[in-house]
Amino acid sequence: MSVENEHRHHPRLEGKVIVVTGAGSGIGKASADLFTKHGATVIAADLKGAQHVADAGREEDVARLVDMAKQQHGALHGFFANAGVSGGLASIFEQSVEDWEQVLRVNLIGPFLAIKHAAPVIKEQGGGSIICTASVAGLRSGAGGPAYSASKAGVISLVRTAAQQLAGSNVRVNAICPGLIETGMTEFVYERARAKGQADKLGHLNPLRRGGEPIEIARAALFLASDESSYVNGHALVVDGGLSSSHPFNRQDYGRTAI
């Protein structure tokens, strides 16, 4: 069965209304498109490139998106708090307080606002799913700048705390931790590798030995947004090709490592 036929015969989000932030490009756009193909009514928001202009780290904007779902569609069943900024790779000693405030505002306060405003409305519908984009950078050092990494670790903690505080509501809160995915945020990494003729080394540290595509994260989000993940809650789902499954090591020291 083709992918398109699968969507037609088994729409996994039929009748659901879902807000997606950061939907103008990358993971957010891929997710908004996939959710729509699976029957959802999607309110796609971003600073640019999406149908609705919104700053995911601004409370008035997040509240407006939730209210829009209620007023225009009569319900809200899911919220994918995906919007984020990288903040660059400057060290702790090079970053300013303003740099940290901006990264934390979008990457961590944004998901907090999504949960704060969406959860009560989702509860009214009998439950649903809130998904927040974290990162492997929130699990261990080495995958992002200091502020970015700290913000994503905060997201992982946030979804665990929120899942507990929403006990009895049937509102599930989970995070996705992408590894290296080719998006606007990582474009400089890919361009630098290609300029050096090292494109084949992108993602070579994970067992799949490649980077990921936005659709591969979107599929994980589809699972978490759907009723198929009805018993998954307070969880950080890692989608990184196996990168975070190991401490750094030299494969040659392990002798034969491939079949």
C-alpha atoms as a PDB file:
ATOM      1  CA  MET A   1       0.000   0.000   0.000  1.00  0.00           C
ATOM      2  CA  SER A   2       1.390   3.391  -0.965  1.00  0.00           C
ATOM      3  CA  VAL A   3       1.839   6.142   1.606  1.00  0.00           C
ATOM      4  CA  GLU A   4      -0.962   8.159   0.017  1.00  0.00           C
ATOM      5  CA  ASN A   5      -3.335   5.172   0.110  1.00  0.00           C
ATOM      6  CA  GLU A   6      -2.390   4.556   3.718  1.00  0.00           C
ATOM      7  CA  HIS A   7      -3.453   8.117   4.537  1.00  0.00           C
ATOM      8  CA  ARG A   8      -6.711   7.632   2.683  1.00  0.00           C
ATOM      9  CA  HIS A   9      -7.685   4.377   4.346  1.00  0.00           C
ATOM     10  CA  HIS A  10      -6.243   4.866   7.816  1.00  0.00           C
ATOM     11  CA  PRO A  11      -6.353   8.556   8.777  1.00  0.00           C
ATOM     12  CA  ARG A  12      -4.859   8.479  12.248  1.00  0.00           C
ATOM     13  CA  LEU A  13      -5.940  11.990  13.301  1.00  0.00           C
ATOM     14  CA  GLU A  14      -9.430  12.118  11.813  1.00  0.00           C
ATOM     15  CA  GLY A  15     -11.526  14.835  13.434  1.00  0.00           C
ATOM     16  CA  LYS A  16      -8.727  16.225  15.612  1.00  0.00           C
ATOM     17  CA  VAL A  17      -7.844  19.909  15.850  1.00  0.00           C
ATOM     18  CA  ILE A  18      -4.127  20.470  16.479  1.00  0.00           C
ATOM     19  CA  VAL A  19      -1.965  23.579  16.823  1.00  0.00           C
ATOM     20  CA  VAL A  20       1.601  23.336  15.492  1.00  0.00           C
ATOM     21  CA  THR A  21       4.155  26.075  16.206  1.00  0.00           C
ATOM     22  CA  GLY A  22       7.321  26.539  14.199  1.00  0.00           C
ATOM     23  CA  ALA A  23       5.247  25.283  11.276  1.00  0.00           C
ATOM     24  CA  GLY A  24       6.816  27.507   8.636  1.00  0.00           C
ATOM     25  CA  SER A  25       9.687  25.144   7.877  1.00  0.00           C
ATOM     26  CA  GLY A  26      11.586  22.035   8.895  1.00  0.00           C
ATOM     27  CA  ILE A  27      10.086  19.674  11.463  1.00  0.00           C
ATOM     28  CA  GLY A  28       7.053  21.879  12.083  1.00  0.00           C
ATOM     29  CA  LYS A  29       6.090  22.127   8.430  1.00  0.00           C
ATOM     30  CA  ALA A  30       6.622  18.403   7.848  1.00  0.00           C
ATOM     31  CA  SER A  31       4.464  17.646  10.892  1.00  0.00           C
ATOM     32  CA  ALA A  32       1.689  20.068   9.954  1.00  0.00           C
ATOM     33  CA  ASP A  33       1.556  18.552   6.457  1.00  0.00           C
ATOM     34  CA  LEU A  34       1.551  14.983   7.777  1.00  0.00           C
ATOM     35  CA  PHE A  35      -1.105  15.741  10.404  1.00  0.00           C
ATOM     36  CA  THR A  36      -3.296  17.257   7.687  1.00  0.00           C
ATOM     37  CA  LYS A  37      -2.873  14.207   5.456  1.00  0.00           C
ATOM     38  CA  HIS A  38      -4.019  12.085   8.366  1.00  0.00           C
ATOM     39  CA  GLY A  39      -7.278  13.998   8.777  1.00  0.00           C
ATOM     40  CA  ALA A  40      -6.419  16.676  11.333  1.00  0.00           C
ATOM     41  CA  THR A  41      -7.463  20.291  11.163  1.00  0.00           C
ATOM     42  CA  VAL A  42      -4.131  22.034  11.730  1.00  0.00           C
ATOM     43  CA  ILE A  43      -3.584  25.569  12.965  1.00  0.00           C
ATOM     44  CA  ALA A  44      -0.057  26.149  11.639  1.00  0.00           C
ATOM     45  CA  ALA A  45       1.791  29.042  13.296  1.00  0.00           C
ATOM     46  CA  ASP A  46       5.216  30.617  12.910  1.00  0.00           C
ATOM     47  CA  LEU A  47       6.855  34.019  12.729  1.00  0.00           C
ATOM     48  CA  LYS A  48       6.867  33.565   8.953  1.00  0.00           C
ATOM     49  CA  GLY A  49       5.982  30.955   6.362  1.00  0.00           C
ATOM     50  CA  ALA A  50       2.832  29.655   8.079  1.00  0.00           C
ATOM     51  CA  GLN A  51      -0.869  30.504   7.833  1.00  0.00           C
ATOM     52  CA  HIS A  52      -0.873  32.160  11.268  1.00  0.00           C
ATOM     53  CA  VAL A  53       1.772  34.587  12.496  1.00  0.00           C
ATOM     54  CA  ALA A  54       2.657  33.982  16.122  1.00  0.00           C
ATOM     55  CA  ASP A  55       5.588  34.223  18.516  1.00  0.00           C
ATOM     56  CA  ALA A  56       5.596  30.918  20.392  1.00  0.00           C
ATOM     57  CA  GLY A  57       7.341  32.499  23.373  1.00  0.00           C
ATOM     58  CA  ARG A  58       4.749  35.260  23.808  1.00  0.00           C
ATOM     59  CA  GLU A  59       1.807  34.417  26.051  1.00  0.00           C
ATOM     60  CA  GLU A  60      -0.727  36.554  24.182  1.00  0.00           C
ATOM     61  CA  ASP A  61       0.100  34.767  20.916  1.00  0.00           C
ATOM     62  CA  VAL A  62      -0.141  31.267  22.395  1.00  0.00           C
ATOM     63  CA  ALA A  63      -3.427  32.084  24.114  1.00  0.00           C
ATOM     64  CA  ARG A  64      -4.741  33.463  20.801  1.00  0.00           C
ATOM     65  CA  LEU A  65      -3.901  30.216  18.954  1.00  0.00           C
ATOM     66  CA  VAL A  66      -5.762  28.152  21.549  1.00  0.00           C
ATOM     67  CA  ASP A  67      -8.707  30.537  21.439  1.00  0.00           C
ATOM     68  CA  MET A  68      -8.698  30.347  17.646  1.00  0.00           C
ATOM     69  CA  ALA A  69      -9.072  26.574  17.822  1.00  0.00           C
ATOM     70  CA  LYS A  70     -12.058  26.938  20.154  1.00  0.00           C
ATOM     71  CA  GLN A  71     -13.756  29.738  18.252  1.00  0.00           C
ATOM     72  CA  GLN A  72     -13.186  28.529  14.688  1.00  0.00           C
ATOM     73  CA  HIS A  73     -13.257  24.763  15.156  1.00  0.00           C
ATOM     74  CA  GLY A  74     -15.046  24.237  18.448  1.00  0.00           C
ATOM     75  CA  ALA A  75     -12.336  22.096  19.988  1.00  0.00           C
ATOM     76  CA  LEU A  76      -8.644  21.475  20.590  1.00  0.00           C
ATOM     77  CA  HIS A  77      -7.255  17.949  20.769  1.00  0.00           C
ATOM     78  CA  GLY A  78      -3.519  18.515  20.468  1.00  0.00           C
ATOM     79  CA  PHE A  79      -0.721  21.055  20.566  1.00  0.00           C
ATOM     80  CA  PHE A  80       2.741  20.482  19.078  1.00  0.00           C
ATOM     81  CA  ALA A  81       5.015  23.052  20.731  1.00  0.00           C
ATOM     82  CA  ASN A  82       7.786  22.747  18.196  1.00  0.00           C
ATOM     83  CA  ALA A  83       9.101  26.301  17.671  1.00  0.00           C
ATOM     84  CA  GLY A  84      12.698  26.837  18.685  1.00  0.00           C
ATOM     85  CA  VAL A  85      15.880  28.816  18.129  1.00  0.00           C
ATOM     86  CA  SER A  86      19.451  27.544  18.224  1.00  0.00           C
ATOM     87  CA  GLY A  87      21.269  30.458  19.840  1.00  0.00           C
ATOM     88  CA  GLY A  88      24.477  29.489  18.034  1.00  0.00           C
ATOM     89  CA  LEU A  89      27.467  27.567  19.343  1.00  0.00           C
ATOM     90  CA  ALA A  90      29.210  30.269  21.377  1.00  0.00           C
ATOM     91  CA  SER A  91      30.617  29.118  24.709  1.00  0.00           C
ATOM     92  CA  ILE A  92      29.239  29.981  28.130  1.00  0.00           C
ATOM     93  CA  PHE A  93      31.856  32.700  28.395  1.00  0.00           C
ATOM     94  CA  GLU A  94      30.841  34.252  25.092  1.00  0.00           C
ATOM     95  CA  GLN A  95      27.069  34.207  25.479  1.00  0.00           C
ATOM     96  CA  SER A  96      25.256  37.158  27.033  1.00  0.00           C
ATOM     97  CA  VAL A  97      22.362  37.125  29.446  1.00  0.00           C
ATOM     98  CA  GLU A  98      20.243  38.475  26.573  1.00  0.00           C
ATOM     99  CA  ASP A  99      21.234  35.474  24.433  1.00  0.00           C
ATOM    100  CA  TRP A 100      20.109  33.110  27.180  1.00  0.00           C
ATOM    101  CA  GLU A 101      16.884  34.995  27.787  1.00  0.00           C
ATOM    102  CA  GLN A 102      15.903  34.768  24.121  1.00  0.00           C
ATOM    103  CA  VAL A 103      16.710  31.047  23.812  1.00  0.00           C
ATOM    104  CA  LEU A 104      14.926  30.161  27.044  1.00  0.00           C
ATOM    105  CA  ARG A 105      11.935  32.341  26.155  1.00  0.00           C
ATOM    106  CA  VAL A 106      11.264  30.553  22.892  1.00  0.00           C
ATOM    107  CA  ASN A 107      12.540  27.046  23.644  1.00  0.00           C
ATOM    108  CA  LEU A 108      11.345  26.551  27.225  1.00  0.00           C
ATOM    109  CA  ILE A 109       8.831  29.232  28.149  1.00  0.00           C
ATOM    110  CA  GLY A 110       7.132  28.550  24.800  1.00  0.00           C
ATOM    111  CA  PRO A 111       6.316  24.921  25.650  1.00  0.00           C
ATOM    112  CA  PHE A 112       5.293  25.992  29.162  1.00  0.00           C
ATOM    113  CA  LEU A 113       2.814  28.451  27.643  1.00  0.00           C
ATOM    114  CA  ALA A 114       1.500  25.778  25.286  1.00  0.00           C
ATOM    115  CA  ILE A 115       0.813  23.444  28.194  1.00  0.00           C
ATOM    116  CA  LYS A 116      -0.640  26.208  30.395  1.00  0.00           C
ATOM    117  CA  HIS A 117      -3.151  27.364  27.787  1.00  0.00           C
ATOM    118  CA  ALA A 118      -3.842  24.213  25.782  1.00  0.00           C
ATOM    119  CA  ALA A 119      -4.210  21.630  28.541  1.00  0.00           C
ATOM    120  CA  PRO A 120      -7.458  22.986  30.072  1.00  0.00           C
ATOM    121  CA  VAL A 121      -9.108  23.183  26.646  1.00  0.00           C
ATOM    122  CA  ILE A 122      -7.889  19.724  25.611  1.00  0.00           C
ATOM    123  CA  LYS A 123      -9.221  18.364  28.898  1.00  0.00           C
ATOM    124  CA  GLU A 124     -12.656  19.720  27.982  1.00  0.00           C
ATOM    125  CA  GLN A 125     -12.666  17.448  24.919  1.00  0.00           C
ATOM    126  CA  GLY A 126     -12.014  14.398  27.087  1.00  0.00           C
ATOM    127  CA  GLY A 127      -8.240  14.460  26.684  1.00  0.00           C
ATOM    128  CA  GLY A 128      -5.575  14.574  24.034  1.00  0.00           C
ATOM    129  CA  SER A 129      -1.898  15.128  23.429  1.00  0.00           C
ATOM    130  CA  ILE A 130       0.659  17.886  23.953  1.00  0.00           C
ATOM    131  CA  ILE A 131       4.028  17.351  22.306  1.00  0.00           C
ATOM    132  CA  CYS A 132       7.130  19.470  22.896  1.00  0.00           C
ATOM    133  CA  THR A 133      10.270  19.448  20.780  1.00  0.00           C
ATOM    134  CA  ALA A 134      13.316  18.850  22.948  1.00  0.00           C
ATOM    135  CA  SER A 135      16.642  17.549  21.577  1.00  0.00           C
ATOM    136  CA  VAL A 136      19.434  15.079  22.193  1.00  0.00           C
ATOM    137  CA  ALA A 137      21.256  18.247  23.294  1.00  0.00           C
ATOM    138  CA  GLY A 138      19.015  18.128  26.359  1.00  0.00           C
ATOM    139  CA  LEU A 139      20.270  14.653  27.224  1.00  0.00           C
ATOM    140  CA  ARG A 140      24.037  15.168  27.036  1.00  0.00           C
ATOM    141  CA  SER A 141      26.590  17.797  26.126  1.00  0.00           C
ATOM    142  CA  GLY A 142      27.983  17.971  22.613  1.00  0.00           C
ATOM    143  CA  ALA A 143      24.914  18.578  20.451  1.00  0.00           C
ATOM    144  CA  GLY A 144      24.318  22.306  20.821  1.00  0.00           C
ATOM    145  CA  GLY A 145      25.301  25.538  22.508  1.00  0.00           C
ATOM    146  CA  PRO A 146      25.004  25.989  26.281  1.00  0.00           C
ATOM    147  CA  ALA A 147      21.737  27.934  26.325  1.00  0.00           C
ATOM    148  CA  TYR A 148      20.138  25.676  23.706  1.00  0.00           C
ATOM    149  CA  SER A 149      21.188  22.515  25.552  1.00  0.00           C
ATOM    150  CA  ALA A 150      19.955  23.837  28.892  1.00  0.00           C
ATOM    151  CA  SER A 151      16.629  24.892  27.362  1.00  0.00           C
ATOM    152  CA  LYS A 152      16.057  21.453  25.867  1.00  0.00           C
ATOM    153  CA  ALA A 153      16.946  19.702  29.124  1.00  0.00           C
ATOM    154  CA  GLY A 154      14.338  21.971  30.662  1.00  0.00           C
ATOM    155  CA  VAL A 155      11.753  20.821  28.120  1.00  0.00           C
ATOM    156  CA  ILE A 156      12.365  17.183  29.053  1.00  0.00           C
ATOM    157  CA  SER A 157      11.872  18.023  32.727  1.00  0.00           C
ATOM    158  CA  LEU A 158       8.831  20.150  31.908  1.00  0.00           C
ATOM    159  CA  VAL A 159       6.909  17.369  30.154  1.00  0.00           C
ATOM    160  CA  ARG A 160       7.530  14.996  33.056  1.00  0.00           C
ATOM    161  CA  THR A 161       6.337  17.572  35.582  1.00  0.00           C
ATOM    162  CA  ALA A 162       3.351  18.569  33.463  1.00  0.00           C
ATOM    163  CA  ALA A 163       2.265  14.960  32.954  1.00  0.00           C
ATOM    164  CA  GLN A 164       2.108  14.558  36.720  1.00  0.00           C
ATOM    165  CA  GLN A 165       0.309  17.849  37.309  1.00  0.00           C
ATOM    166  CA  LEU A 166      -2.281  16.839  34.711  1.00  0.00           C
ATOM    167  CA  ALA A 167      -3.006  13.533  36.441  1.00  0.00           C
ATOM    168  CA  GLY A 168      -6.598  12.444  35.892  1.00  0.00           C
ATOM    169  CA  SER A 169      -7.177  14.825  32.975  1.00  0.00           C
ATOM    170  CA  ASN A 170      -6.355  12.347  30.184  1.00  0.00           C
ATOM    171  CA  VAL A 171      -4.079  15.031  28.725  1.00  0.00           C
ATOM    172  CA  ARG A 172      -0.771  13.404  27.808  1.00  0.00           C
ATOM    173  CA  VAL A 173       2.448  15.442  27.617  1.00  0.00           C
ATOM    174  CA  ASN A 174       5.519  14.081  25.848  1.00  0.00           C
ATOM    175  CA  ALA A 175       8.718  15.338  24.245  1.00  0.00           C
ATOM    176  CA  ILE A 176      10.596  14.372  21.110  1.00  0.00           C
ATOM    177  CA  CYS A 177      14.398  14.503  21.166  1.00  0.00           C
ATOM    178  CA  PRO A 178      15.655  14.765  17.575  1.00  0.00           C
ATOM    179  CA  GLY A 179      19.257  14.097  16.683  1.00  0.00           C
ATOM    180  CA  LEU A 180      20.906  15.713  13.652  1.00  0.00           C
ATOM    181  CA  ILE A 181      18.072  16.665  11.292  1.00  0.00           C
ATOM    182  CA  GLU A 182      18.515  18.735   8.127  1.00  0.00           C
ATOM    183  CA  THR A 183      16.482  21.883   8.818  1.00  0.00           C
ATOM    184  CA  GLY A 184      17.024  25.628   8.652  1.00  0.00           C
ATOM    185  CA  MET A 185      18.496  25.456  12.148  1.00  0.00           C
ATOM    186  CA  THR A 186      21.219  22.986  11.100  1.00  0.00           C
ATOM    187  CA  GLU A 187      21.724  24.367   7.600  1.00  0.00           C
ATOM    188  CA  PHE A 188      25.117  25.840   8.501  1.00  0.00           C
ATOM    189  CA  VAL A 189      26.350  22.417   9.653  1.00  0.00           C
ATOM    190  CA  TYR A 190      25.323  20.787   6.382  1.00  0.00           C
ATOM    191  CA  GLU A 191      26.682  23.622   4.239  1.00  0.00           C
ATOM    192  CA  ARG A 192      30.014  23.586   6.060  1.00  0.00           C
ATOM    193  CA  ALA A 193      30.356  19.820   5.598  1.00  0.00           C
ATOM    194  CA  ARG A 194      29.466  20.001   1.905  1.00  0.00           C
ATOM    195  CA  ALA A 195      31.898  22.875   1.334  1.00  0.00           C
ATOM    196  CA  LYS A 196      34.669  20.709   2.786  1.00  0.00           C
ATOM    197  CA  GLY A 197      33.613  17.681   0.761  1.00  0.00           C
ATOM    198  CA  GLN A 198      32.628  15.884   3.958  1.00  0.00           C
ATOM    199  CA  ALA A 199      28.894  15.491   3.419  1.00  0.00           C
ATOM    200  CA  ASP A 200      29.297  11.724   3.824  1.00  0.00           C
ATOM    201  CA  LYS A 201      30.428  12.291   7.414  1.00  0.00           C
ATOM    202  CA  LEU A 202      27.195  13.975   8.476  1.00  0.00           C
ATOM    203  CA  GLY A 203      25.626  11.806  11.145  1.00  0.00           C
ATOM    204  CA  HIS A 204      28.496   9.320  10.969  1.00  0.00           C
ATOM    205  CA  LEU A 205      28.703   9.098  14.773  1.00  0.00           C
ATOM    206  CA  ASN A 206      25.345   7.316  15.041  1.00  0.00           C
ATOM    207  CA  PRO A 207      24.877   3.638  14.097  1.00  0.00           C
ATOM    208  CA  LEU A 208      22.737   4.504  11.065  1.00  0.00           C
ATOM    209  CA  ARG A 209      25.602   6.746   9.892  1.00  0.00           C
ATOM    210  CA  ARG A 210      23.405   9.459   8.423  1.00  0.00           C
ATOM    211  CA  GLY A 211      21.510  12.551   9.393  1.00  0.00           C
ATOM    212  CA  GLY A 212      17.739  12.512   9.670  1.00  0.00           C
ATOM    213  CA  GLU A 213      14.975  14.172   7.670  1.00  0.00           C
ATOM    214  CA  PRO A 214      12.147  16.332   9.081  1.00  0.00           C
ATOM    215  CA  ILE A 215       9.567  13.720   8.020  1.00  0.00           C
ATOM    216  CA  GLU A 216      11.233  11.178  10.324  1.00  0.00           C
ATOM    217  CA  ILE A 217      10.519  13.444  13.295  1.00  0.00           C
ATOM    218  CA  ALA A 218       7.047  14.218  11.957  1.00  0.00           C
ATOM    219  CA  ARG A 219       6.204  10.509  12.003  1.00  0.00           C
ATOM    220  CA  ALA A 220       7.165  10.334  15.676  1.00  0.00           C
ATOM    221  CA  ALA A 221       4.985  13.376  16.332  1.00  0.00           C
ATOM    222  CA  LEU A 222       2.121  11.720  14.439  1.00  0.00           C
ATOM    223  CA  PHE A 223       2.362   8.714  16.746  1.00  0.00           C
ATOM    224  CA  LEU A 224       2.355  10.886  19.863  1.00  0.00           C
ATOM    225  CA  ALA A 225      -0.522  13.030  18.567  1.00  0.00           C
ATOM    226  CA  SER A 226      -2.662  10.006  17.741  1.00  0.00           C
ATOM    227  CA  ASP A 227      -4.622   7.673  19.992  1.00  0.00           C
ATOM    228  CA  GLU A 228      -2.071   4.962  19.181  1.00  0.00           C
ATOM    229  CA  SER A 229       0.137   6.448  21.905  1.00  0.00           C
ATOM    230  CA  SER A 230      -2.702   6.528  24.448  1.00  0.00           C
ATOM    231  CA  TYR A 231      -0.522   5.012  27.216  1.00  0.00           C
ATOM    232  CA  VAL A 232       2.619   7.065  26.496  1.00  0.00           C
ATOM    233  CA  ASN A 233       2.905   9.961  28.928  1.00  0.00           C
ATOM    234  CA  GLY A 234       5.667  12.018  30.531  1.00  0.00           C
ATOM    235  CA  HIS A 235       8.123  10.495  28.082  1.00  0.00           C
ATOM    236  CA  ALA A 236      11.013  11.866  26.008  1.00  0.00           C
ATOM    237  CA  LEU A 237      11.084   9.934  22.729  1.00  0.00           C
ATOM    238  CA  VAL A 238      14.577   9.973  21.220  1.00  0.00           C
ATOM    239  CA  VAL A 239      14.750   9.973  17.408  1.00  0.00           C
ATOM    240  CA  ASP A 240      18.459  10.217  16.645  1.00  0.00           C
ATOM    241  CA  GLY A 241      19.586   7.160  14.690  1.00  0.00           C
ATOM    242  CA  GLY A 242      20.983   5.663  17.887  1.00  0.00           C
ATOM    243  CA  LEU A 243      23.436   8.510  18.624  1.00  0.00           C
ATOM    244  CA  SER A 244      22.589   8.825  22.312  1.00  0.00           C
ATOM    245  CA  SER A 245      22.655   5.083  22.947  1.00  0.00           C
ATOM    246  CA  SER A 246      26.406   5.162  23.554  1.00  0.00           C
ATOM    247  CA  HIS A 247      29.206   7.075  25.180  1.00  0.00           C
ATOM    248  CA  PRO A 248      31.896   8.231  22.711  1.00  0.00           C
ATOM    249  CA  PHE A 249      34.158   5.407  21.618  1.00  0.00           C
ATOM    250  CA  ASN A 250      36.372   4.324  18.746  1.00  0.00           C
ATOM    251  CA  ARG A 251      34.620   1.592  16.777  1.00  0.00           C
ATOM    252  CA  GLN A 252      37.969   0.202  15.670  1.00  0.00           C
ATOM    253  CA  ASP A 253      38.773  -0.605  19.287  1.00  0.00           C
ATOM    254  CA  TYR A 254      35.796  -2.938  19.375  1.00  0.00           C
ATOM    255  CA  GLY A 255      37.022  -5.128  16.563  1.00  0.00           C
ATOM    256  CA  ARG A 256      34.348  -6.272  14.161  1.00  0.00           C
ATOM    257  CA  THR A 257      31.306  -4.027  14.652  1.00  0.00           C
ATOM    258  CA  ALA A 258      29.276  -4.621  11.510  1.00  0.00           C
ATOM    259  CA  ILE A 259      27.755  -7.743   9.991  1.00  0.00           C
END
